[in-house]
Amino acid sequence: MFNLGKEKLKAKADEVADNAQGLVKETSQVIKGKAQELKSEVSETADKAKYEANDLIANLRYLLNEYSDAPKVNQIKQQIADKATELSSAVIDEVSNAYNSGKQKASEAVRQKPLATLALIAGAGLVIGYIFGARESNK
């Protein structure tokens, strides 16, 4: 008589676990997709930075060839410093934009699937609890 209640409870728990697992997989796929998009954006940004760096090097070579006499060395140094600052600023802005875009996309994914996110967090908590619980029981 008491087993019927336990079996229903176990069946319901199994159903909830299956639903949570499905939500976790779905959320995982969304997060993987967003991570891939972020990877692509960062890769494009890195390619732009590489192109700009090569352009800067070409400009520096041109300037060094054009201004080879000693009095213009300070002018060249200033131009080099200006170009380096400009390039550094551009790279920082691009990487920052890519990071913020990825962060926003991940946030949108969490907002679109709050239950899946909650299930994912709960599952991670259960796994961590199980791991630490197993360590404590081994002592």
N, C-alpha and C. Protein backbone atom coordinates (compact mmCIF):
# COMPACT_ATOMS: atom_id res chain seq x y z
N MET A 1 0.82 -1.19 0.00
CA MET A 1 0.00 0.00 0.00
C MET A 1 0.87 1.25 0.00
N PHE A 2 1.93 1.24 0.77
CA PHE A 2 2.80 2.41 0.83
C PHE A 2 3.70 2.51 -0.39
N ASN A 3 3.92 1.39 -1.05
CA ASN A 3 4.77 1.40 -2.23
C ASN A 3 4.16 2.18 -3.38
N LEU A 4 2.84 2.22 -3.50
CA LEU A 4 2.19 2.94 -4.59
C LEU A 4 2.54 4.41 -4.55
N GLY A 5 2.53 5.00 -3.38
CA GLY A 5 2.89 6.40 -3.24
C GLY A 5 4.35 6.65 -3.59
N LYS A 6 5.20 5.73 -3.18
CA LYS A 6 6.62 5.87 -3.47
C LYS A 6 6.89 5.73 -4.97
N GLU A 7 6.17 4.81 -5.61
CA GLU A 7 6.36 4.61 -7.04
C GLU A 7 5.90 5.83 -7.83
N LYS A 8 4.76 6.42 -7.43
CA LYS A 8 4.28 7.63 -8.10
C LYS A 8 5.27 8.77 -7.90
N LEU A 9 5.76 8.87 -6.68
CA LEU A 9 6.73 9.93 -6.38
C LEU A 9 8.01 9.72 -7.18
N LYS A 10 8.46 8.46 -7.26
CA LYS A 10 9.67 8.17 -8.02
C LYS A 10 9.44 8.46 -9.50
N ALA A 11 8.27 8.09 -10.02
CA ALA A 11 7.96 8.36 -11.43
C ALA A 11 7.93 9.86 -11.70
N LYS A 12 7.34 10.60 -10.79
CA LYS A 12 7.27 12.06 -10.95
C LYS A 12 8.68 12.67 -10.89
N ALA A 13 9.48 12.17 -9.95
CA ALA A 13 10.87 12.66 -9.84
C ALA A 13 11.65 12.34 -11.11
N ASP A 14 11.45 11.15 -11.66
CA ASP A 14 12.12 10.78 -12.91
C ASP A 14 11.68 11.69 -14.05
N GLU A 15 10.38 12.00 -14.09
CA GLU A 15 9.85 12.89 -15.12
C GLU A 15 10.45 14.29 -15.01
N VAL A 16 10.52 14.80 -13.78
CA VAL A 16 11.11 16.12 -13.56
C VAL A 16 12.59 16.11 -13.95
N ALA A 17 13.28 15.04 -13.59
CA ALA A 17 14.70 14.94 -13.93
C ALA A 17 14.89 14.90 -15.45
N ASP A 18 14.03 14.14 -16.15
CA ASP A 18 14.12 14.08 -17.61
C ASP A 18 13.85 15.45 -18.23
N ASN A 19 12.83 16.15 -17.72
CA ASN A 19 12.53 17.49 -18.23
C ASN A 19 13.70 18.44 -17.98
N ALA A 20 14.26 18.35 -16.77
CA ALA A 20 15.39 19.22 -16.44
C ALA A 20 16.58 18.91 -17.34
N GLN A 21 16.80 17.63 -17.59
CA GLN A 21 17.91 17.24 -18.46
C GLN A 21 17.70 17.79 -19.87
N GLY A 22 16.47 17.72 -20.36
CA GLY A 22 16.18 18.28 -21.69
C GLY A 22 16.40 19.77 -21.73
N LEU A 23 15.96 20.46 -20.68
CA LEU A 23 16.16 21.91 -20.62
C LEU A 23 17.64 22.26 -20.54
N VAL A 24 18.38 21.46 -19.79
CA VAL A 24 19.83 21.70 -19.67
C VAL A 24 20.50 21.52 -21.03
N LYS A 25 20.12 20.47 -21.74
CA LYS A 25 20.71 20.24 -23.07
C LYS A 25 20.38 21.39 -24.01
N GLU A 26 19.12 21.81 -23.99
CA GLU A 26 18.69 22.90 -24.87
C GLU A 26 19.43 24.19 -24.54
N THR A 27 19.52 24.51 -23.26
CA THR A 27 20.24 25.72 -22.84
C THR A 27 21.71 25.62 -23.18
N SER A 28 22.26 24.44 -23.00
CA SER A 28 23.66 24.21 -23.35
C SER A 28 23.91 24.47 -24.82
N GLN A 29 23.01 24.03 -25.67
CA GLN A 29 23.15 24.26 -27.11
C GLN A 29 23.08 25.74 -27.44
N VAL A 30 22.15 26.46 -26.78
CA VAL A 30 22.03 27.90 -27.01
C VAL A 30 23.31 28.60 -26.58
N ILE A 31 23.82 28.23 -25.42
CA ILE A 31 25.05 28.86 -24.91
C ILE A 31 26.23 28.53 -25.83
N LYS A 32 26.30 27.29 -26.30
CA LYS A 32 27.37 26.93 -27.23
C LYS A 32 27.28 27.76 -28.51
N GLY A 33 26.05 27.95 -28.99
CA GLY A 33 25.87 28.77 -30.20
C GLY A 33 26.32 30.20 -29.97
N LYS A 34 25.97 30.77 -28.82
CA LYS A 34 26.38 32.14 -28.51
C LYS A 34 27.89 32.21 -28.36
N ALA A 35 28.49 31.19 -27.76
CA ALA A 35 29.94 31.17 -27.62
C ALA A 35 30.62 31.10 -28.99
N GLN A 36 30.03 30.33 -29.90
CA GLN A 36 30.59 30.25 -31.26
C GLN A 36 30.50 31.60 -31.97
N GLU A 37 29.35 32.29 -31.78
CA GLU A 37 29.21 33.62 -32.36
C GLU A 37 30.26 34.57 -31.79
N LEU A 38 30.46 34.50 -30.48
CA LEU A 38 31.46 35.36 -29.83
C LEU A 38 32.86 35.03 -30.35
N LYS A 39 33.14 33.73 -30.53
CA LYS A 39 34.44 33.31 -31.06
C LYS A 39 34.65 33.91 -32.45
N SER A 40 33.60 33.88 -33.27
CA SER A 40 33.71 34.43 -34.62
C SER A 40 33.98 35.92 -34.58
N GLU A 41 33.26 36.62 -33.69
CA GLU A 41 33.45 38.07 -33.58
C GLU A 41 34.86 38.41 -33.11
N VAL A 42 35.35 37.67 -32.12
CA VAL A 42 36.70 37.92 -31.62
C VAL A 42 37.73 37.60 -32.69
N SER A 43 37.49 36.53 -33.45
CA SER A 43 38.40 36.17 -34.55
C SER A 43 38.45 37.27 -35.60
N GLU A 44 37.27 37.80 -35.95
CA GLU A 44 37.23 38.89 -36.93
C GLU A 44 37.97 40.12 -36.39
N THR A 45 37.77 40.40 -35.11
CA THR A 45 38.44 41.55 -34.49
C THR A 45 39.95 41.34 -34.50
N ALA A 46 40.39 40.13 -34.20
CA ALA A 46 41.83 39.84 -34.22
C ALA A 46 42.39 39.99 -35.63
N ASP A 47 41.62 39.55 -36.64
CA ASP A 47 42.08 39.70 -38.02
C ASP A 47 42.20 41.18 -38.40
N LYS A 48 41.22 41.99 -37.97
CA LYS A 48 41.29 43.43 -38.23
C LYS A 48 42.52 44.03 -37.56
N ALA A 49 42.76 43.63 -36.31
CA ALA A 49 43.91 44.16 -35.58
C ALA A 49 45.21 43.76 -36.28
N LYS A 50 45.26 42.52 -36.77
CA LYS A 50 46.46 42.05 -37.49
C LYS A 50 46.67 42.89 -38.76
N TYR A 51 45.60 43.13 -39.48
CA TYR A 51 45.70 43.94 -40.70
C TYR A 51 46.17 45.35 -40.36
N GLU A 52 45.60 45.94 -39.31
CA GLU A 52 45.99 47.29 -38.92
C GLU A 52 47.44 47.33 -38.45
N ALA A 53 47.87 46.30 -37.74
CA ALA A 53 49.26 46.24 -37.29
C ALA A 53 50.21 46.15 -38.49
N ASN A 54 49.87 45.33 -39.47
CA ASN A 54 50.70 45.23 -40.68
C ASN A 54 50.73 46.55 -41.43
N ASP A 55 49.60 47.23 -41.48
CA ASP A 55 49.52 48.54 -42.12
C ASP A 55 50.41 49.54 -41.37
N LEU A 56 50.35 49.49 -40.05
CA LEU A 56 51.18 50.37 -39.22
C LEU A 56 52.66 50.12 -39.48
N ILE A 57 53.04 48.87 -39.56
CA ILE A 57 54.45 48.53 -39.83
C ILE A 57 54.87 49.07 -41.20
N ALA A 58 54.01 48.92 -42.17
CA ALA A 58 54.33 49.45 -43.51
C ALA A 58 54.47 50.96 -43.47
N ASN A 59 53.57 51.63 -42.74
CA ASN A 59 53.68 53.09 -42.61
C ASN A 59 54.96 53.50 -41.89
N LEU A 60 55.33 52.75 -40.87
CA LEU A 60 56.56 53.05 -40.14
C LEU A 60 57.79 52.87 -41.03
N ARG A 61 57.80 51.83 -41.82
CA ARG A 61 58.92 51.62 -42.75
C ARG A 61 59.02 52.77 -43.74
N TYR A 62 57.87 53.18 -44.24
CA TYR A 62 57.84 54.31 -45.17
C TYR A 62 58.40 55.56 -44.50
N LEU A 63 57.94 55.84 -43.28
CA LEU A 63 58.40 57.03 -42.57
C LEU A 63 59.91 56.97 -42.30
N LEU A 64 60.39 55.80 -41.91
CA LEU A 64 61.82 55.66 -41.64
C LEU A 64 62.65 55.87 -42.91
N ASN A 65 62.16 55.37 -44.02
CA ASN A 65 62.87 55.57 -45.28
C ASN A 65 62.83 57.02 -45.74
N GLU A 66 61.69 57.67 -45.51
CA GLU A 66 61.52 59.05 -45.95
C GLU A 66 62.31 60.02 -45.08
N TYR A 67 62.33 59.78 -43.79
CA TYR A 67 62.99 60.71 -42.85
C TYR A 67 64.20 60.04 -42.23
N SER A 68 65.22 59.86 -43.00
CA SER A 68 66.39 59.16 -42.47
C SER A 68 67.41 60.09 -41.83
N ASP A 69 67.28 61.40 -41.98
CA ASP A 69 68.27 62.28 -41.36
C ASP A 69 67.93 62.52 -39.89
N ALA A 70 68.96 62.79 -39.08
CA ALA A 70 68.88 62.86 -37.62
C ALA A 70 67.90 63.90 -37.07
N PRO A 71 67.79 65.12 -37.61
CA PRO A 71 66.89 66.11 -37.00
C PRO A 71 65.42 65.69 -36.99
N LYS A 72 65.05 64.78 -37.86
CA LYS A 72 63.65 64.40 -37.93
C LYS A 72 63.33 63.14 -37.11
N VAL A 73 64.28 62.65 -36.36
CA VAL A 73 64.08 61.43 -35.57
C VAL A 73 62.99 61.65 -34.52
N ASN A 74 62.98 62.80 -33.85
CA ASN A 74 61.95 63.07 -32.84
C ASN A 74 60.56 63.12 -33.46
N GLN A 75 60.49 63.69 -34.66
CA GLN A 75 59.20 63.73 -35.35
C GLN A 75 58.72 62.30 -35.66
N ILE A 76 59.62 61.48 -36.09
CA ILE A 76 59.29 60.09 -36.40
C ILE A 76 58.85 59.36 -35.13
N LYS A 77 59.59 59.57 -34.05
CA LYS A 77 59.24 58.92 -32.79
C LYS A 77 57.83 59.32 -32.35
N GLN A 78 57.48 60.59 -32.52
CA GLN A 78 56.15 61.05 -32.14
C GLN A 78 55.07 60.42 -33.04
N GLN A 79 55.36 60.34 -34.32
CA GLN A 79 54.39 59.72 -35.23
C GLN A 79 54.20 58.23 -34.89
N ILE A 80 55.30 57.57 -34.55
CA ILE A 80 55.22 56.16 -34.16
C ILE A 80 54.38 56.02 -32.90
N ALA A 81 54.63 56.87 -31.92
CA ALA A 81 53.87 56.82 -30.67
C ALA A 81 52.39 57.08 -30.93
N ASP A 82 52.09 58.06 -31.79
CA ASP A 82 50.69 58.37 -32.11
C ASP A 82 50.00 57.19 -32.79
N LYS A 83 50.69 56.58 -33.75
CA LYS A 83 50.11 55.43 -34.46
C LYS A 83 49.90 54.25 -33.50
N ALA A 84 50.87 54.01 -32.63
CA ALA A 84 50.75 52.91 -31.68
C ALA A 84 49.58 53.14 -30.73
N THR A 85 49.43 54.37 -30.25
CA THR A 85 48.31 54.71 -29.36
C THR A 85 46.99 54.53 -30.09
N GLU A 86 46.93 54.98 -31.33
CA GLU A 86 45.71 54.85 -32.13
C GLU A 86 45.34 53.38 -32.34
N LEU A 87 46.33 52.57 -32.68
CA LEU A 87 46.11 51.14 -32.90
C LEU A 87 45.68 50.46 -31.62
N SER A 88 46.35 50.76 -30.53
CA SER A 88 46.02 50.17 -29.24
C SER A 88 44.58 50.49 -28.85
N SER A 89 44.21 51.72 -29.02
CA SER A 89 42.85 52.15 -28.69
C SER A 89 41.82 51.42 -29.55
N ALA A 90 42.11 51.28 -30.82
CA ALA A 90 41.19 50.60 -31.73
C ALA A 90 41.02 49.13 -31.35
N VAL A 91 42.12 48.47 -31.02
CA VAL A 91 42.05 47.05 -30.63
C VAL A 91 41.28 46.89 -29.33
N ILE A 92 41.55 47.76 -28.36
CA ILE A 92 40.83 47.68 -27.08
C ILE A 92 39.34 47.89 -27.30
N ASP A 93 38.97 48.85 -28.12
CA ASP A 93 37.55 49.11 -28.40
C ASP A 93 36.90 47.91 -29.07
N GLU A 94 37.56 47.32 -30.06
CA GLU A 94 36.98 46.19 -30.77
C GLU A 94 36.80 44.98 -29.85
N VAL A 95 37.80 44.67 -29.05
CA VAL A 95 37.69 43.53 -28.13
C VAL A 95 36.62 43.80 -27.08
N SER A 96 36.56 45.02 -26.59
CA SER A 96 35.53 45.39 -25.60
C SER A 96 34.14 45.25 -26.21
N ASN A 97 33.97 45.70 -27.43
CA ASN A 97 32.67 45.57 -28.11
C ASN A 97 32.30 44.11 -28.31
N ALA A 98 33.26 43.29 -28.71
CA ALA A 98 32.98 41.86 -28.91
C ALA A 98 32.60 41.20 -27.58
N TYR A 99 33.30 41.54 -26.50
CA TYR A 99 32.98 40.99 -25.18
C TYR A 99 31.58 41.41 -24.75
N ASN A 100 31.27 42.69 -24.88
CA ASN A 100 29.95 43.18 -24.47
C ASN A 100 28.84 42.55 -25.31
N SER A 101 29.10 42.36 -26.59
CA SER A 101 28.12 41.73 -27.46
C SER A 101 27.87 40.28 -27.02
N GLY A 102 28.92 39.56 -26.74
CA GLY A 102 28.78 38.18 -26.27
C GLY A 102 28.07 38.10 -24.94
N LYS A 103 28.40 39.00 -24.06
CA LYS A 103 27.75 39.05 -22.74
C LYS A 103 26.26 39.32 -22.90
N GLN A 104 25.91 40.24 -23.79
CA GLN A 104 24.51 40.58 -24.02
C GLN A 104 23.77 39.39 -24.63
N LYS A 105 24.39 38.70 -25.58
CA LYS A 105 23.75 37.55 -26.21
C LYS A 105 23.53 36.42 -25.20
N ALA A 106 24.50 36.19 -24.32
CA ALA A 106 24.33 35.17 -23.29
C ALA A 106 23.21 35.56 -22.33
N SER A 107 23.15 36.84 -21.98
CA SER A 107 22.09 37.32 -21.10
C SER A 107 20.72 37.14 -21.74
N GLU A 108 20.62 37.42 -23.04
CA GLU A 108 19.36 37.23 -23.76
C GLU A 108 18.96 35.76 -23.76
N ALA A 109 19.94 34.88 -23.94
CA ALA A 109 19.65 33.44 -23.94
C ALA A 109 19.10 33.01 -22.59
N VAL A 110 19.66 33.56 -21.51
CA VAL A 110 19.19 33.23 -20.16
C VAL A 110 17.78 33.77 -19.96
N ARG A 111 17.52 34.98 -20.45
CA ARG A 111 16.18 35.57 -20.29
C ARG A 111 15.13 34.81 -21.09
N GLN A 112 15.52 34.31 -22.25
CA GLN A 112 14.56 33.59 -23.10
C GLN A 112 14.23 32.21 -22.53
N LYS A 113 15.16 31.63 -21.81
CA LYS A 113 14.95 30.28 -21.26
C LYS A 113 15.27 30.28 -19.76
N PRO A 114 14.47 30.98 -18.94
CA PRO A 114 14.79 31.05 -17.52
C PRO A 114 14.68 29.70 -16.81
N LEU A 115 13.71 28.88 -17.19
CA LEU A 115 13.57 27.58 -16.53
C LEU A 115 14.74 26.67 -16.86
N ALA A 116 15.17 26.71 -18.11
CA ALA A 116 16.31 25.89 -18.51
C ALA A 116 17.56 26.35 -17.78
N THR A 117 17.71 27.65 -17.65
CA THR A 117 18.86 28.19 -16.92
C THR A 117 18.81 27.76 -15.47
N LEU A 118 17.63 27.85 -14.86
CA LEU A 118 17.47 27.44 -13.47
C LEU A 118 17.78 25.96 -13.31
N ALA A 119 17.31 25.15 -14.26
CA ALA A 119 17.58 23.71 -14.22
C ALA A 119 19.08 23.45 -14.36
N LEU A 120 19.73 24.20 -15.23
CA LEU A 120 21.18 24.05 -15.41
C LEU A 120 21.92 24.39 -14.13
N ILE A 121 21.53 25.47 -13.50
CA ILE A 121 22.18 25.88 -12.24
C ILE A 121 21.91 24.85 -11.15
N ALA A 122 20.65 24.39 -11.07
CA ALA A 122 20.31 23.39 -10.05
C ALA A 122 21.10 22.10 -10.29
N GLY A 123 21.20 21.70 -11.54
CA GLY A 123 21.97 20.50 -11.87
C GLY A 123 23.43 20.64 -11.49
N ALA A 124 24.00 21.81 -11.78
CA ALA A 124 25.40 22.05 -11.40
C ALA A 124 25.55 22.01 -9.88
N GLY A 125 24.57 22.58 -9.17
CA GLY A 125 24.61 22.55 -7.70
C GLY A 125 24.53 21.14 -7.18
N LEU A 126 23.68 20.32 -7.80
CA LEU A 126 23.57 18.92 -7.37
C LEU A 126 24.87 18.17 -7.59
N VAL A 127 25.49 18.39 -8.75
CA VAL A 127 26.75 17.71 -9.05
C VAL A 127 27.83 18.13 -8.05
N ILE A 128 27.93 19.42 -7.80
CA ILE A 128 28.95 19.92 -6.84
C ILE A 128 28.66 19.37 -5.45
N GLY A 129 27.38 19.38 -5.06
CA GLY A 129 27.01 18.83 -3.75
C GLY A 129 27.33 17.36 -3.65
N TYR A 130 27.08 16.62 -4.72
CA TYR A 130 27.39 15.19 -4.73
C TYR A 130 28.89 14.97 -4.60
N ILE A 131 29.67 15.76 -5.31
CA ILE A 131 31.13 15.60 -5.26
C ILE A 131 31.65 15.89 -3.86
N PHE A 132 31.23 17.03 -3.30
CA PHE A 132 31.71 17.37 -1.96
C PHE A 132 31.14 16.43 -0.90
N GLY A 133 29.90 15.97 -1.10
CA GLY A 133 29.31 15.02 -0.17
C GLY A 133 30.06 13.69 -0.20
N ALA A 134 30.49 13.27 -1.38
CA ALA A 134 31.25 12.04 -1.51
C ALA A 134 32.61 12.19 -0.83
N ARG A 135 33.21 13.34 -0.92
CA ARG A 135 34.50 13.56 -0.26
C ARG A 135 34.35 13.53 1.24
N GLU A 136 33.29 14.13 1.76
CA GLU A 136 33.06 14.17 3.19
C GLU A 136 32.78 12.77 3.75
N SER A 137 32.05 11.96 2.97
CA SER A 137 31.72 10.62 3.46
C SER A 137 32.94 9.70 3.42
N ASN A 138 33.95 10.03 2.60
CA ASN A 138 35.17 9.22 2.51
C ASN A 138 36.13 9.50 3.67
N LYS A 139 35.95 10.58 4.38
CA LYS A 139 36.89 10.95 5.46
C LYS A 139 36.73 10.08 6.66
